[in-house]
Amino acid sequence: MAGAYWIAHVTVTDPEAYGKYAEGAGPAIAKHGGKFLARSTRYVQLEGTDRARNVLAWFPSLEAAEQCYHSDEYQAALAHAKGAAERDLMILEASDDV
């Protein structure tokens, strides 16, 4: 499955505000071809900073994932997450040879 992965590690500090983010983020991600592969499922932290919420989403390309992030719809949702969570978010391009 080529494409790109949106990988987020999150500590939610204001669940009500972050819930508003999630309501808007899901449709924005879907609009750009994104699909959630894992959200807040079980995990094992082996190294680095532990964050209770971990999300993996697939996009058809790195460009689609980046366009989603910068889209008006996603930025409107993201406004609710600012100050409501500590987040790390990255986009990782999938390897064609897997």
N, C-alpha and C. Protein backbone atom coordinates (compact mmCIF):
# COMPACT_ATOMS: atom_id res chain seq x y z
N MET A 1 0.85 -1.18 0.00
CA MET A 1 0.00 0.00 0.00
C MET A 1 0.89 1.23 0.00
N ALA A 2 1.28 1.70 -1.17
CA ALA A 2 2.07 2.92 -1.25
C ALA A 2 1.21 4.09 -0.76
N GLY A 3 1.77 5.25 -0.72
CA GLY A 3 1.07 6.43 -0.22
C GLY A 3 1.90 7.06 0.87
N ALA A 4 1.23 7.56 1.89
CA ALA A 4 1.93 8.20 3.00
C ALA A 4 1.13 8.02 4.27
N TYR A 5 1.83 8.06 5.38
CA TYR A 5 1.20 7.88 6.69
C TYR A 5 1.30 9.17 7.49
N TRP A 6 0.20 9.52 8.10
CA TRP A 6 0.12 10.65 9.02
C TRP A 6 0.23 10.00 10.40
N ILE A 7 1.27 10.33 11.13
CA ILE A 7 1.52 9.73 12.44
C ILE A 7 1.44 10.82 13.50
N ALA A 8 0.53 10.64 14.44
CA ALA A 8 0.33 11.63 15.50
C ALA A 8 0.45 10.97 16.86
N HIS A 9 1.12 11.67 17.76
CA HIS A 9 1.23 11.26 19.16
C HIS A 9 0.70 12.44 19.98
N VAL A 10 -0.31 12.17 20.82
CA VAL A 10 -1.05 13.27 21.44
C VAL A 10 -1.27 13.02 22.93
N THR A 11 -1.12 14.06 23.72
CA THR A 11 -1.58 14.08 25.10
C THR A 11 -2.68 15.14 25.17
N VAL A 12 -3.88 14.71 25.43
CA VAL A 12 -5.02 15.63 25.48
C VAL A 12 -5.07 16.28 26.86
N THR A 13 -5.14 17.62 26.89
CA THR A 13 -5.21 18.36 28.15
C THR A 13 -6.58 18.98 28.37
N ASP A 14 -7.38 19.12 27.33
CA ASP A 14 -8.74 19.65 27.42
C ASP A 14 -9.64 18.79 26.53
N PRO A 15 -10.24 17.73 27.10
CA PRO A 15 -11.03 16.78 26.30
C PRO A 15 -12.20 17.41 25.55
N GLU A 16 -12.85 18.41 26.13
CA GLU A 16 -13.99 19.03 25.47
C GLU A 16 -13.55 19.75 24.19
N ALA A 17 -12.53 20.57 24.29
CA ALA A 17 -12.03 21.29 23.12
C ALA A 17 -11.44 20.32 22.10
N TYR A 18 -10.73 19.30 22.56
CA TYR A 18 -10.14 18.35 21.64
C TYR A 18 -11.21 17.53 20.92
N GLY A 19 -12.32 17.32 21.58
CA GLY A 19 -13.44 16.64 20.94
C GLY A 19 -13.96 17.44 19.75
N LYS A 20 -13.98 18.76 19.88
CA LYS A 20 -14.39 19.62 18.76
C LYS A 20 -13.39 19.51 17.61
N TYR A 21 -12.11 19.41 17.95
CA TYR A 21 -11.10 19.20 16.92
C TYR A 21 -11.39 17.90 16.17
N ALA A 22 -11.62 16.82 16.91
CA ALA A 22 -11.84 15.51 16.29
C ALA A 22 -13.06 15.51 15.38
N GLU A 23 -14.11 16.23 15.77
CA GLU A 23 -15.32 16.31 14.95
C GLU A 23 -15.02 16.91 13.58
N GLY A 24 -14.17 17.90 13.52
CA GLY A 24 -13.84 18.54 12.25
C GLY A 24 -12.70 17.88 11.50
N ALA A 25 -11.77 17.28 12.24
CA ALA A 25 -10.59 16.68 11.61
C ALA A 25 -10.95 15.45 10.78
N GLY A 26 -11.82 14.62 11.29
CA GLY A 26 -12.18 13.39 10.58
C GLY A 26 -12.69 13.65 9.16
N PRO A 27 -13.70 14.51 9.00
CA PRO A 27 -14.18 14.82 7.65
C PRO A 27 -13.12 15.47 6.76
N ALA A 28 -12.27 16.32 7.33
CA ALA A 28 -11.21 16.95 6.53
C ALA A 28 -10.22 15.91 6.03
N ILE A 29 -9.88 14.96 6.87
CA ILE A 29 -8.96 13.90 6.49
C ILE A 29 -9.58 13.04 5.39
N ALA A 30 -10.83 12.67 5.56
CA ALA A 30 -11.53 11.85 4.56
C ALA A 30 -11.62 12.58 3.22
N LYS A 31 -11.86 13.88 3.26
CA LYS A 31 -11.98 14.67 2.03
C LYS A 31 -10.70 14.61 1.20
N HIS A 32 -9.57 14.42 1.84
CA HIS A 32 -8.28 14.37 1.15
C HIS A 32 -7.82 12.93 0.91
N GLY A 33 -8.74 12.00 1.01
CA GLY A 33 -8.41 10.60 0.73
C GLY A 33 -7.82 9.85 1.89
N GLY A 34 -7.79 10.46 3.07
CA GLY A 34 -7.21 9.82 4.24
C GLY A 34 -8.13 8.79 4.86
N LYS A 35 -7.52 7.75 5.43
CA LYS A 35 -8.26 6.70 6.13
C LYS A 35 -7.53 6.39 7.43
N PHE A 36 -8.27 6.33 8.51
CA PHE A 36 -7.65 5.98 9.79
C PHE A 36 -7.34 4.49 9.81
N LEU A 37 -6.11 4.15 10.18
CA LEU A 37 -5.71 2.76 10.34
C LEU A 37 -5.68 2.36 11.81
N ALA A 38 -5.38 3.32 12.68
CA ALA A 38 -5.36 3.08 14.12
C ALA A 38 -5.59 4.40 14.84
N ARG A 39 -6.46 4.34 15.86
CA ARG A 39 -6.73 5.53 16.69
C ARG A 39 -6.93 5.07 18.12
N SER A 40 -6.03 5.48 18.99
CA SER A 40 -6.13 5.19 20.42
C SER A 40 -6.28 3.70 20.71
N THR A 41 -5.64 2.87 19.89
CA THR A 41 -5.65 1.44 20.16
C THR A 41 -4.51 1.10 21.11
N ARG A 42 -4.43 -0.14 21.49
CA ARG A 42 -3.37 -0.57 22.40
C ARG A 42 -2.01 -0.33 21.77
N TYR A 43 -1.04 -0.04 22.60
CA TYR A 43 0.33 0.18 22.11
C TYR A 43 1.32 -0.15 23.22
N VAL A 44 2.56 -0.28 22.85
CA VAL A 44 3.66 -0.48 23.80
C VAL A 44 4.68 0.60 23.51
N GLN A 45 4.97 1.43 24.49
CA GLN A 45 5.97 2.50 24.35
C GLN A 45 7.33 1.91 24.67
N LEU A 46 8.21 1.88 23.71
CA LEU A 46 9.54 1.31 23.92
C LEU A 46 10.61 2.37 24.13
N GLU A 47 10.47 3.52 23.47
CA GLU A 47 11.44 4.60 23.60
C GLU A 47 10.72 5.93 23.44
N GLY A 48 11.35 6.99 23.88
CA GLY A 48 10.83 8.33 23.65
C GLY A 48 9.69 8.72 24.58
N THR A 49 9.01 9.78 24.20
CA THR A 49 7.94 10.36 25.00
C THR A 49 6.65 9.57 24.84
N ASP A 50 6.10 9.14 25.95
CA ASP A 50 4.83 8.40 25.93
C ASP A 50 3.67 9.39 25.83
N ARG A 51 2.80 9.17 24.88
CA ARG A 51 1.59 9.97 24.73
C ARG A 51 0.44 8.99 24.67
N ALA A 52 -0.62 9.26 25.40
CA ALA A 52 -1.72 8.31 25.55
C ALA A 52 -2.52 8.10 24.28
N ARG A 53 -2.55 9.06 23.37
CA ARG A 53 -3.33 8.94 22.13
C ARG A 53 -2.36 8.89 20.95
N ASN A 54 -2.47 7.83 20.17
CA ASN A 54 -1.62 7.64 19.01
C ASN A 54 -2.52 7.37 17.81
N VAL A 55 -2.23 8.03 16.70
CA VAL A 55 -3.09 7.93 15.52
C VAL A 55 -2.23 7.64 14.30
N LEU A 56 -2.71 6.72 13.47
CA LEU A 56 -2.07 6.41 12.20
C LEU A 56 -3.14 6.51 11.12
N ALA A 57 -2.90 7.40 10.16
CA ALA A 57 -3.83 7.56 9.03
C ALA A 57 -3.05 7.39 7.74
N TRP A 58 -3.69 6.80 6.75
CA TRP A 58 -3.09 6.60 5.44
C TRP A 58 -3.67 7.60 4.45
N PHE A 59 -2.82 8.14 3.59
CA PHE A 59 -3.23 9.04 2.51
C PHE A 59 -2.67 8.49 1.20
N PRO A 60 -3.29 8.82 0.08
CA PRO A 60 -2.80 8.31 -1.19
C PRO A 60 -1.41 8.82 -1.59
N SER A 61 -0.98 9.92 -1.01
CA SER A 61 0.36 10.45 -1.31
C SER A 61 0.79 11.38 -0.19
N LEU A 62 2.09 11.65 -0.14
CA LEU A 62 2.62 12.61 0.82
C LEU A 62 2.00 13.99 0.56
N GLU A 63 1.84 14.32 -0.72
CA GLU A 63 1.28 15.63 -1.08
C GLU A 63 -0.17 15.75 -0.61
N ALA A 64 -0.95 14.69 -0.73
CA ALA A 64 -2.35 14.72 -0.27
C ALA A 64 -2.41 14.91 1.24
N ALA A 65 -1.51 14.24 1.97
CA ALA A 65 -1.48 14.38 3.42
C ALA A 65 -1.11 15.81 3.83
N GLU A 66 -0.13 16.37 3.13
CA GLU A 66 0.29 17.74 3.45
C GLU A 66 -0.80 18.75 3.06
N GLN A 67 -1.45 18.53 1.92
CA GLN A 67 -2.55 19.42 1.50
C GLN A 67 -3.68 19.36 2.52
N CYS A 68 -3.95 18.19 3.05
CA CYS A 68 -4.98 18.07 4.08
C CYS A 68 -4.64 18.95 5.28
N TYR A 69 -3.41 18.83 5.75
CA TYR A 69 -2.99 19.61 6.92
C TYR A 69 -3.18 21.10 6.70
N HIS A 70 -2.85 21.58 5.53
CA HIS A 70 -2.91 23.01 5.24
C HIS A 70 -4.29 23.47 4.75
N SER A 71 -5.23 22.54 4.59
CA SER A 71 -6.55 22.90 4.08
C SER A 71 -7.32 23.76 5.08
N ASP A 72 -8.24 24.56 4.56
CA ASP A 72 -9.08 25.40 5.42
C ASP A 72 -9.87 24.56 6.41
N GLU A 73 -10.37 23.41 5.96
CA GLU A 73 -11.20 22.56 6.83
C GLU A 73 -10.38 22.02 8.00
N TYR A 74 -9.17 21.53 7.70
CA TYR A 74 -8.36 20.98 8.78
C TYR A 74 -7.87 22.08 9.71
N GLN A 75 -7.47 23.20 9.17
CA GLN A 75 -6.99 24.30 10.01
C GLN A 75 -8.09 24.82 10.94
N ALA A 76 -9.34 24.81 10.45
CA ALA A 76 -10.47 25.22 11.32
C ALA A 76 -10.62 24.23 12.48
N ALA A 77 -10.47 22.94 12.19
CA ALA A 77 -10.54 21.94 13.26
C ALA A 77 -9.36 22.09 14.20
N LEU A 78 -8.18 22.29 13.63
CA LEU A 78 -6.95 22.38 14.42
C LEU A 78 -6.99 23.53 15.42
N ALA A 79 -7.72 24.57 15.11
CA ALA A 79 -7.85 25.70 16.04
C ALA A 79 -8.37 25.25 17.41
N HIS A 80 -9.21 24.20 17.41
CA HIS A 80 -9.75 23.67 18.68
C HIS A 80 -8.70 22.88 19.46
N ALA A 81 -7.72 22.32 18.76
CA ALA A 81 -6.70 21.50 19.42
C ALA A 81 -5.61 22.35 20.06
N LYS A 82 -5.42 23.56 19.53
CA LYS A 82 -4.37 24.43 20.08
C LYS A 82 -4.72 24.78 21.52
N GLY A 83 -3.81 24.49 22.42
CA GLY A 83 -4.04 24.72 23.84
C GLY A 83 -4.84 23.61 24.50
N ALA A 84 -5.32 22.64 23.71
CA ALA A 84 -6.10 21.54 24.26
C ALA A 84 -5.33 20.22 24.24
N ALA A 85 -4.10 20.27 23.69
CA ALA A 85 -3.31 19.04 23.59
C ALA A 85 -1.85 19.37 23.32
N GLU A 86 -1.00 18.44 23.72
CA GLU A 86 0.40 18.46 23.30
C GLU A 86 0.49 17.44 22.19
N ARG A 87 0.98 17.84 21.02
CA ARG A 87 0.93 16.98 19.85
C ARG A 87 2.26 16.94 19.11
N ASP A 88 2.54 15.79 18.58
CA ASP A 88 3.61 15.61 17.61
C ASP A 88 2.94 15.00 16.39
N LEU A 89 3.17 15.58 15.21
CA LEU A 89 2.55 15.10 13.99
C LEU A 89 3.58 15.10 12.87
N MET A 90 3.62 14.00 12.14
CA MET A 90 4.55 13.91 11.02
C MET A 90 3.87 13.17 9.88
N ILE A 91 4.41 13.35 8.68
CA ILE A 91 3.97 12.60 7.52
C ILE A 91 5.16 11.77 7.07
N LEU A 92 4.94 10.48 6.86
CA LEU A 92 5.99 9.57 6.43
C LEU A 92 5.56 8.90 5.14
N GLU A 93 6.35 9.09 4.08
CA GLU A 93 6.02 8.47 2.81
C GLU A 93 6.25 6.97 2.87
N ALA A 94 5.29 6.22 2.35
CA ALA A 94 5.41 4.76 2.34
C ALA A 94 6.44 4.33 1.31
N SER A 95 7.06 3.21 1.56
CA SER A 95 8.03 2.66 0.62
C SER A 95 7.30 1.77 -0.38
N ASP A 96 7.65 1.89 -1.65
CA ASP A 96 7.01 1.09 -2.69
C ASP A 96 7.42 -0.37 -2.65
N ASP A 97 8.52 -0.68 -1.99
CA ASP A 97 9.02 -2.05 -2.03
C ASP A 97 8.59 -2.90 -0.85
N VAL A 98 7.56 -2.51 -0.16
CA VAL A 98 7.08 -3.29 0.99
C VAL A 98 5.92 -4.15 0.57
